Amino acid sequence: MKYKLETDVSEFIIRQEPLGLWDLWVDSMPTRTFLTPEDAAKAVHEQDSGYIIWDQLKEHDAPPDLSGWEKLDKD
């Protein structure tokens, strides 16, 4: 399972690793790993994604949770 968020700046993907952790990808590049997909979505909203261009924006439209992310069942 994975989640996708399209923004004006980048495409974010949250996808589960085989061991159960969740990786955050930005434009097909991995950035950080989280315990839950909710933690990853929160990091994007709080601009703690590991992607400096996003993290330094003055404004963005990322939701504070997974509610605005598209849930994808298949890879």
C-alpha atoms as a PDB file:
ATOM      1  CA  MET A   1       0.000   0.000   0.000  1.00  0.00           C
ATOM      2  CA  LYS A   2       1.075   3.559  -0.603  1.00  0.00           C
ATOM      3  CA  TYR A   3      -0.202   7.126  -0.470  1.00  0.00           C
ATOM      4  CA  LYS A   4       0.382   9.914  -2.993  1.00  0.00           C
ATOM      5  CA  LEU A   5       0.181  13.704  -2.717  1.00  0.00           C
ATOM      6  CA  GLU A   6       0.650  15.943  -5.757  1.00  0.00           C
ATOM      7  CA  THR A   7       1.658  19.532  -4.982  1.00  0.00           C
ATOM      8  CA  ASP A   8       2.735  22.451  -7.155  1.00  0.00           C
ATOM      9  CA  VAL A   9       6.326  21.750  -6.074  1.00  0.00           C
ATOM     10  CA  SER A  10       6.683  17.964  -5.893  1.00  0.00           C
ATOM     11  CA  GLU A  11       5.050  14.567  -5.840  1.00  0.00           C
ATOM     12  CA  PHE A  12       5.176  12.889  -2.429  1.00  0.00           C
ATOM     13  CA  ILE A  13       4.771   9.144  -1.984  1.00  0.00           C
ATOM     14  CA  ILE A  14       4.511   7.302   1.318  1.00  0.00           C
ATOM     15  CA  ARG A  15       5.085   3.582   0.891  1.00  0.00           C
ATOM     16  CA  GLN A  16       5.468   0.682   3.259  1.00  0.00           C
ATOM     17  CA  GLU A  17       8.756  -1.196   3.508  1.00  0.00           C
ATOM     18  CA  PRO A  18       8.796  -5.002   3.760  1.00  0.00           C
ATOM     19  CA  LEU A  19       9.637  -4.748   7.486  1.00  0.00           C
ATOM     20  CA  GLY A  20       6.626  -2.527   8.202  1.00  0.00           C
ATOM     21  CA  LEU A  21       8.166   0.958   8.370  1.00  0.00           C
ATOM     22  CA  TRP A  22       7.047   3.706   5.994  1.00  0.00           C
ATOM     23  CA  ASP A  23       9.338   5.568   3.565  1.00  0.00           C
ATOM     24  CA  LEU A  24       8.689   9.082   2.289  1.00  0.00           C
ATOM     25  CA  TRP A  25       9.691   9.633  -1.342  1.00  0.00           C
ATOM     26  CA  VAL A  26       9.873  13.016  -3.062  1.00  0.00           C
ATOM     27  CA  ASP A  27       9.948  13.029  -6.859  1.00  0.00           C
ATOM     28  CA  SER A  28      11.097   9.368  -6.893  1.00  0.00           C
ATOM     29  CA  MET A  29      13.879   9.965  -4.340  1.00  0.00           C
ATOM     30  CA  PRO A  30      13.691   8.544  -0.787  1.00  0.00           C
ATOM     31  CA  THR A  31      14.033  11.050   2.035  1.00  0.00           C
ATOM     32  CA  ARG A  32      13.013   9.777   5.483  1.00  0.00           C
ATOM     33  CA  THR A  33      11.526   6.714   7.189  1.00  0.00           C
ATOM     34  CA  PHE A  34       8.641   6.784   9.682  1.00  0.00           C
ATOM     35  CA  LEU A  35       6.809   4.393  11.997  1.00  0.00           C
ATOM     36  CA  THR A  36       3.408   5.178  10.441  1.00  0.00           C
ATOM     37  CA  PRO A  37       2.093   6.783   7.257  1.00  0.00           C
ATOM     38  CA  GLU A  38       0.380   9.379   9.456  1.00  0.00           C
ATOM     39  CA  ASP A  39       3.787  10.418  10.834  1.00  0.00           C
ATOM     40  CA  ALA A  40       5.090  10.855   7.286  1.00  0.00           C
ATOM     41  CA  ALA A  41       2.089  12.957   6.221  1.00  0.00           C
ATOM     42  CA  LYS A  42       2.515  15.121   9.324  1.00  0.00           C
ATOM     43  CA  ALA A  43       6.215  15.630   8.497  1.00  0.00           C
ATOM     44  CA  VAL A  44       5.301  16.865   5.017  1.00  0.00           C
ATOM     45  CA  HIS A  45       2.749  19.291   6.473  1.00  0.00           C
ATOM     46  CA  GLU A  46       5.180  20.507   9.152  1.00  0.00           C
ATOM     47  CA  GLN A  47       7.926  20.875   6.527  1.00  0.00           C
ATOM     48  CA  ASP A  48      10.191  18.279   8.101  1.00  0.00           C
ATOM     49  CA  SER A  49      10.256  16.035   5.027  1.00  0.00           C
ATOM     50  CA  GLY A  50      13.989  15.937   4.399  1.00  0.00           C
ATOM     51  CA  TYR A  51      13.475  17.734   1.068  1.00  0.00           C
ATOM     52  CA  ILE A  52      15.004  21.168   1.601  1.00  0.00           C
ATOM     53  CA  ILE A  53      13.148  22.937  -1.220  1.00  0.00           C
ATOM     54  CA  TRP A  54       9.804  21.909   0.302  1.00  0.00           C
ATOM     55  CA  ASP A  55      10.898  22.361   3.897  1.00  0.00           C
ATOM     56  CA  GLN A  56      11.895  26.006   3.294  1.00  0.00           C
ATOM     57  CA  LEU A  57       8.714  27.117   1.504  1.00  0.00           C
ATOM     58  CA  LYS A  58       6.888  30.045   3.083  1.00  0.00           C
ATOM     59  CA  GLU A  59       3.472  28.613   2.124  1.00  0.00           C
ATOM     60  CA  HIS A  60       2.134  25.235   1.012  1.00  0.00           C
ATOM     61  CA  ASP A  61      -1.136  23.373   0.717  1.00  0.00           C
ATOM     62  CA  ALA A  62      -0.230  19.959   2.163  1.00  0.00           C
ATOM     63  CA  PRO A  63      -2.872  18.613   4.557  1.00  0.00           C
ATOM     64  CA  PRO A  64      -1.941  17.988   8.224  1.00  0.00           C
ATOM     65  CA  ASP A  65      -2.868  14.301   7.935  1.00  0.00           C
ATOM     66  CA  LEU A  66      -3.596  11.593   5.346  1.00  0.00           C
ATOM     67  CA  SER A  67      -7.055  13.017   4.565  1.00  0.00           C
ATOM     68  CA  GLY A  68      -5.812  14.806   1.437  1.00  0.00           C
ATOM     69  CA  TRP A  69      -3.564  12.002   0.230  1.00  0.00           C
ATOM     70  CA  GLU A  70      -4.610   9.541  -2.478  1.00  0.00           C
ATOM     71  CA  LYS A  71      -4.553   5.954  -1.204  1.00  0.00           C
ATOM     72  CA  LEU A  72      -3.099   3.509  -3.726  1.00  0.00           C
ATOM     73  CA  ASP A  73      -3.551  -0.184  -3.047  1.00  0.00           C
ATOM     74  CA  LYS A  74      -1.022  -1.409  -5.602  1.00  0.00           C
ATOM     75  CA  ASP A  75       2.584  -0.389  -6.273  1.00  0.00           C
END
